[in-house]
Every structure is written in structure tokens, then in C-alpha cells.
C-alpha atoms as a PDB file:
ATOM      1  CA  MET A   1    -252.242 137.002   3.475  1.00  0.00           C
ATOM      2  CA  PRO A   2    -250.573 139.844   1.749  1.00  0.00           C
ATOM      3  CA  PHE A   3    -248.278 141.033   4.586  1.00  0.00           C
ATOM      4  CA  HIS A   4    -246.324 139.997   7.581  1.00  0.00           C
ATOM      5  CA  ILE A   5    -245.881 142.051  10.758  1.00  0.00           C
ATOM      6  CA  VAL A   6    -242.883 141.436  13.035  1.00  0.00           C
ATOM      7  CA  LEU A   7    -242.536 142.634  16.572  1.00  0.00           C
ATOM      8  CA  VAL A   8    -239.221 142.387  17.930  1.00  0.00           C
ATOM      9  CA  GLU A   9    -239.198 141.955  21.767  1.00  0.00           C
ATOM     10  CA  PRO A  10    -242.360 144.196  22.177  1.00  0.00           C
ATOM     11  CA  GLU A  11    -242.611 145.459  25.863  1.00  0.00           C
ATOM     12  CA  ILE A  12    -246.201 147.234  26.148  1.00  0.00           C
ATOM     13  CA  PRO A  13    -248.978 144.731  26.228  1.00  0.00           C
ATOM     14  CA  PRO A  14    -251.769 147.120  24.929  1.00  0.00           C
ATOM     15  CA  ASN A  15    -249.757 147.964  21.935  1.00  0.00           C
ATOM     16  CA  THR A  16    -249.397 144.315  21.036  1.00  0.00           C
ATOM     17  CA  GLY A  17    -252.921 143.656  21.626  1.00  0.00           C
ATOM     18  CA  ASN A  18    -253.881 146.503  19.236  1.00  0.00           C
ATOM     19  CA  ILE A  19    -251.568 145.314  16.600  1.00  0.00           C
ATOM     20  CA  VAL A  20    -253.276 141.923  16.950  1.00  0.00           C
ATOM     21  CA  ARG A  21    -256.426 143.480  16.221  1.00  0.00           C
ATOM     22  CA  THR A  22    -255.159 145.344  13.287  1.00  0.00           C
ATOM     23  CA  CYS A  23    -253.513 142.095  11.812  1.00  0.00           C
ATOM     24  CA  SER A  24    -256.939 140.294  12.402  1.00  0.00           C
ATOM     25  CA  VAL A  25    -258.901 142.732  10.565  1.00  0.00           C
ATOM     26  CA  THR A  26    -256.423 142.966   7.507  1.00  0.00           C
ATOM     27  CA  GLY A  27    -255.281 139.337   7.188  1.00  0.00           C
ATOM     28  CA  ALA A  28    -251.687 140.186   8.075  1.00  0.00           C
ATOM     29  CA  LYS A  29    -249.667 137.490   9.842  1.00  0.00           C
ATOM     30  CA  LEU A  30    -248.101 138.430  13.196  1.00  0.00           C
ATOM     31  CA  HIS A  31    -244.743 137.051  14.224  1.00  0.00           C
ATOM     32  CA  LEU A  32    -243.347 137.844  17.701  1.00  0.00           C
ATOM     33  CA  ILE A  33    -239.638 137.707  18.504  1.00  0.00           C
ATOM     34  CA  LYS A  34    -238.777 136.816  22.128  1.00  0.00           C
ATOM     35  CA  PRO A  35    -238.227 137.883  24.783  1.00  0.00           C
ATOM     36  CA  LEU A  36    -241.455 139.422  25.215  1.00  0.00           C
ATOM     37  CA  GLY A  37    -241.982 142.005  27.922  1.00  0.00           C
ATOM     38  CA  PHE A  38    -245.231 140.539  29.050  1.00  0.00           C
ATOM     39  CA  SER A  39    -246.910 137.302  29.326  1.00  0.00           C
ATOM     40  CA  ILE A  40    -249.141 136.052  26.546  1.00  0.00           C
ATOM     41  CA  ASP A  41    -251.758 135.624  29.362  1.00  0.00           C
ATOM     42  CA  ASP A  42    -251.466 139.357  30.288  1.00  0.00           C
ATOM     43  CA  THR A  43    -255.003 140.758  30.878  1.00  0.00           C
ATOM     44  CA  GLN A  44    -254.036 144.216  29.229  1.00  0.00           C
ATOM     45  CA  LEU A  45    -253.019 142.260  26.149  1.00  0.00           C
ATOM     46  CA  LYS A  46    -256.209 140.361  25.858  1.00  0.00           C
ATOM     47  CA  ARG A  47    -258.396 143.448  26.575  1.00  0.00           C
ATOM     48  CA  ALA A  48    -256.626 145.388  23.821  1.00  0.00           C
ATOM     49  CA  GLY A  49    -256.884 142.672  21.328  1.00  0.00           C
ATOM     50  CA  LEU A  50    -260.407 141.793  22.402  1.00  0.00           C
ATOM     51  CA  ASP A  51    -261.758 138.560  20.963  1.00  0.00           C
ATOM     52  CA  TYR A  52    -259.413 139.047  17.811  1.00  0.00           C
ATOM     53  CA  TRP A  53    -256.429 137.446  19.690  1.00  0.00           C
ATOM     54  CA  TYR A  54    -258.066 133.947  19.001  1.00  0.00           C
ATOM     55  CA  ASP A  55    -258.654 134.491  15.273  1.00  0.00           C
ATOM     56  CA  LEU A  56    -255.098 135.078  14.493  1.00  0.00           C
ATOM     57  CA  ASN A  57    -252.224 132.663  13.843  1.00  0.00           C
ATOM     58  CA  ILE A  58    -249.320 134.100  15.710  1.00  0.00           C
ATOM     59  CA  GLN A  59    -245.922 132.712  15.344  1.00  0.00           C
ATOM     60  CA  MET A  60    -243.175 132.935  17.988  1.00  0.00           C
ATOM     61  CA  TYR A  61    -239.429 132.840  17.406  1.00  0.00           C
ATOM     62  CA  ASP A  62    -236.349 132.920  19.842  1.00  0.00           C
ATOM     63  CA  SER A  63    -234.504 135.444  17.628  1.00  0.00           C
ATOM     64  CA  PHE A  64    -234.868 137.510  14.466  1.00  0.00           C
ATOM     65  CA  GLN A  65    -232.272 135.352  12.694  1.00  0.00           C
ATOM     66  CA  GLU A  66    -234.688 132.276  13.222  1.00  0.00           C
ATOM     67  CA  LEU A  67    -237.369 134.187  11.545  1.00  0.00           C
ATOM     68  CA  ARG A  68    -234.941 135.281   8.566  1.00  0.00           C
ATOM     69  CA  GLU A  69    -233.943 131.687   8.177  1.00  0.00           C
ATOM     70  CA  LYS A  70    -237.419 130.583   7.873  1.00  0.00           C
ATOM     71  CA  PHE A  71    -238.267 133.067   5.068  1.00  0.00           C
ATOM     72  CA  PRO A  72    -234.933 133.611   3.094  1.00  0.00           C
ATOM     73  CA  ASP A  73    -236.744 134.740   0.073  1.00  0.00           C
ATOM     74  CA  ASN A  74    -239.001 137.388   1.463  1.00  0.00           C
ATOM     75  CA  ARG A  75    -238.323 141.031   1.656  1.00  0.00           C
ATOM     76  CA  PHE A  76    -238.027 142.725   5.284  1.00  0.00           C
ATOM     77  CA  PHE A  77    -238.751 146.425   5.591  1.00  0.00           C
ATOM     78  CA  CYS A  78    -237.554 147.584   9.014  1.00  0.00           C
ATOM     79  CA  ALA A  79    -239.083 150.720  10.683  1.00  0.00           C
ATOM     80  CA  THR A  80    -236.860 152.983  12.482  1.00  0.00           C
ATOM     81  CA  THR A  81    -236.482 156.603  13.310  1.00  0.00           C
ATOM     82  CA  LYS A  82    -233.003 156.414  11.881  1.00  0.00           C
ATOM     83  CA  ALA A  83    -234.040 155.522   8.334  1.00  0.00           C
ATOM     84  CA  GLN A  84    -233.630 158.161   5.505  1.00  0.00           C
ATOM     85  CA  ASN A  85    -236.622 156.904   3.444  1.00  0.00           C
ATOM     86  CA  SER A  86    -240.202 157.274   4.155  1.00  0.00           C
ATOM     87  CA  TYR A  87    -242.300 154.285   4.287  1.00  0.00           C
ATOM     88  CA  ALA A  88    -244.277 155.579   1.310  1.00  0.00           C
ATOM     89  CA  ALA A  89    -241.016 155.426  -0.896  1.00  0.00           C
ATOM     90  CA  PHE A  90    -241.206 151.616  -1.562  1.00  0.00           C
ATOM     91  CA  SER A  91    -243.177 149.687  -3.747  1.00  0.00           C
ATOM     92  CA  TYR A  92    -244.438 146.811  -1.705  1.00  0.00           C
ATOM     93  CA  ARG A  93    -245.251 143.083  -2.557  1.00  0.00           C
ATOM     94  CA  GLU A  94    -247.474 140.526  -1.278  1.00  0.00           C
ATOM     95  CA  GLY A  95    -245.499 138.460   1.186  1.00  0.00           C
ATOM     96  CA  ASP A  96    -243.275 141.561   2.456  1.00  0.00           C
ATOM     97  CA  PHE A  97    -242.457 141.712   6.062  1.00  0.00           C
ATOM     98  CA  PHE A  98    -242.762 144.886   8.126  1.00  0.00           C
ATOM     99  CA  VAL A  99    -240.362 144.753  11.255  1.00  0.00           C
ATOM    100  CA  PHE A 100    -240.912 147.020  14.321  1.00  0.00           C
ATOM    101  CA  GLY A 101    -238.732 147.146  17.301  1.00  0.00           C
ATOM    102  CA  LYS A 102    -239.324 147.242  20.949  1.00  0.00           C
ATOM    103  CA  GLU A 103    -240.905 150.605  22.131  1.00  0.00           C
ATOM    104  CA  THR A 104    -238.199 151.734  24.402  1.00  0.00           C
ATOM    105  CA  LYS A 105    -235.221 151.158  22.163  1.00  0.00           C
ATOM    106  CA  GLY A 106    -236.414 150.251  18.588  1.00  0.00           C
ATOM    107  CA  LEU A 107    -234.500 147.748  16.513  1.00  0.00           C
ATOM    108  CA  ASP A 108    -231.057 146.450  17.316  1.00  0.00           C
ATOM    109  CA  GLU A 109    -228.192 148.128  15.210  1.00  0.00           C
ATOM    110  CA  SER A 110    -227.319 144.565  14.100  1.00  0.00           C
ATOM    111  CA  ILE A 111    -230.918 144.222  12.338  1.00  0.00           C
ATOM    112  CA  LEU A 112    -230.620 147.811  10.884  1.00  0.00           C
ATOM    113  CA  LYS A 113    -227.078 147.059   9.506  1.00  0.00           C
ATOM    114  CA  ALA A 114    -228.317 143.830   7.922  1.00  0.00           C
ATOM    115  CA  ASN A 115    -231.304 145.573   6.361  1.00  0.00           C
ATOM    116  CA  LYS A 116    -229.827 149.082   5.490  1.00  0.00           C
ATOM    117  CA  GLU A 117    -231.325 149.078   1.867  1.00  0.00           C
ATOM    118  CA  SER A 118    -234.935 148.565   3.372  1.00  0.00           C
ATOM    119  CA  LEU A 119    -235.128 150.725   6.224  1.00  0.00           C
ATOM    120  CA  ILE A 120    -238.345 152.754   6.344  1.00  0.00           C
ATOM    121  CA  ARG A 121    -239.636 155.605   8.659  1.00  0.00           C
ATOM    122  CA  VAL A 122    -242.798 157.372   9.430  1.00  0.00           C
ATOM    123  CA  PRO A 123    -242.277 161.099   8.909  1.00  0.00           C
ATOM    124  CA  MET A 124    -242.733 163.253  11.938  1.00  0.00           C
ATOM    125  CA  LEU A 125    -241.626 166.456  13.503  1.00  0.00           C
ATOM    126  CA  PRO A 126    -237.746 166.493  14.217  1.00  0.00           C
ATOM    127  CA  ASP A 127    -237.869 167.177  17.872  1.00  0.00           C
ATOM    128  CA  VAL A 128    -240.165 164.286  18.834  1.00  0.00           C
ATOM    129  CA  ARG A 129    -238.873 160.872  19.769  1.00  0.00           C
ATOM    130  CA  SER A 130    -241.277 158.495  17.926  1.00  0.00           C
ATOM    131  CA  LEU A 131    -244.789 157.601  17.186  1.00  0.00           C
ATOM    132  CA  ASN A 132    -246.713 154.835  19.111  1.00  0.00           C
ATOM    133  CA  LEU A 133    -245.910 151.274  17.929  1.00  0.00           C
ATOM    134  CA  ALA A 134    -249.343 150.256  17.249  1.00  0.00           C
ATOM    135  CA  ASN A 135    -250.110 153.407  15.329  1.00  0.00           C
ATOM    136  CA  SER A 136    -246.769 152.928  13.249  1.00  0.00           C
ATOM    137  CA  VAL A 137    -247.707 149.370  12.433  1.00  0.00           C
ATOM    138  CA  ALA A 138    -251.187 150.600  11.297  1.00  0.00           C
ATOM    139  CA  ILE A 139    -249.853 153.338   9.007  1.00  0.00           C
ATOM    140  CA  VAL A 140    -247.299 151.106   7.273  1.00  0.00           C
ATOM    141  CA  LEU A 141    -249.405 148.084   6.882  1.00  0.00           C
ATOM    142  CA  TYR A 142    -252.297 150.037   5.337  1.00  0.00           C
ATOM    143  CA  GLU A 143    -249.899 151.870   2.870  1.00  0.00           C
ATOM    144  CA  GLY A 144    -248.824 148.420   1.596  1.00  0.00           C
ATOM    145  CA  LEU A 145    -252.489 147.316   1.422  1.00  0.00           C
ATOM    146  CA  ARG A 146    -253.294 150.379  -0.599  1.00  0.00           C
ATOM    147  CA  GLN A 147    -250.609 149.673  -2.846  1.00  0.00           C
ATOM    148  CA  LEU A 148    -251.868 146.306  -3.536  1.00  0.00           C
ATOM    149  CA  GLU A 149    -255.451 147.851  -3.735  1.00  0.00           C
ATOM    150  CA  PHE A 150    -256.725 146.308  -0.594  1.00  0.00           C
ATOM    151  CA  PRO A 151    -256.787 142.593  -1.634  1.00  0.00           C
ATOM    152  CA  GLY A 152    -259.816 140.827   0.107  1.00  0.00           C
ATOM    153  CA  LEU A 153    -260.888 143.714   2.003  1.00  0.00           C
ATOM    154  CA  ARG A 154    -264.051 145.546   1.543  1.00  0.00           C
END
């Protein structure tokens, strides 16, 4: 699996369901950081993820720090509207993590400070708040896959 997707405290079941589907069709591994704003048994989550939910090995963590400690040698790129650099400004490698925050607040300031050299943003008009989480994940993940020439995908 070339990339990892991390959702820190996701709140909206259909977004996570759509991300499950995106991870499933690309081979990305999904990591969820608690607390979740929904139950894993949520009907909307299952509907959005369709039958892809069962094809994916999803890892759950009690904190972002727990995840970082498990993967100390990997690179973590944190998506935020506060970043100066576009997601396309970096060269990605297999094993990189793309980290996304909760829909209503984004990533905690402590995560942003700890990863200040690898903050990324999806460019958008200045007067809008943010792009949908599931869309942001797909945009960033597919740029990483494009850079690696879509390994294993046809």
C-alpha cells in the first residue's frame, strides 16, 4: 500500500464512508483517531462506503500521538487551510501519511505546530471556508498516486 490516510476525529458519517471507498479502490490504508462523531455501525457510514467497508483494514487509535509512535520513521503531511504550500508542492514517497482533521474545526493547533514543515493545502478561493473532507482526501491521495505513477492501479 503506497499511502496512509488519517482522519482525526471525523464527525460526518457519509464523508468517512466515501473515504472508505476511496481507500478501498486505491489500496490506501485508513487510520481513524478517536473520538469519532458517529458509531461504526452508523447506517449512513455503511451506505456511503457501500460494500467497500469490509474490504478495508481500518486501524483505530485513541490519539494522534499513539499513531505517530507506531510509525516513527514515516512522513506525515497535514492538510489545513492554514498551510502556505499547496499539496502539489511536495514530492511524496510510498508510506507517507496524509492527515485530515474534523470537518468543523480541522486539525488541532498542537498537530499543526508539530508538523509545520509538512503542512499542505488544497488551493481554493480566499473567501470560502473549506472543501469537503472526502473531496480533499481524494485530491491529495490521487496526487500522491500520480507522482508514483499509480502503482498497482489500472
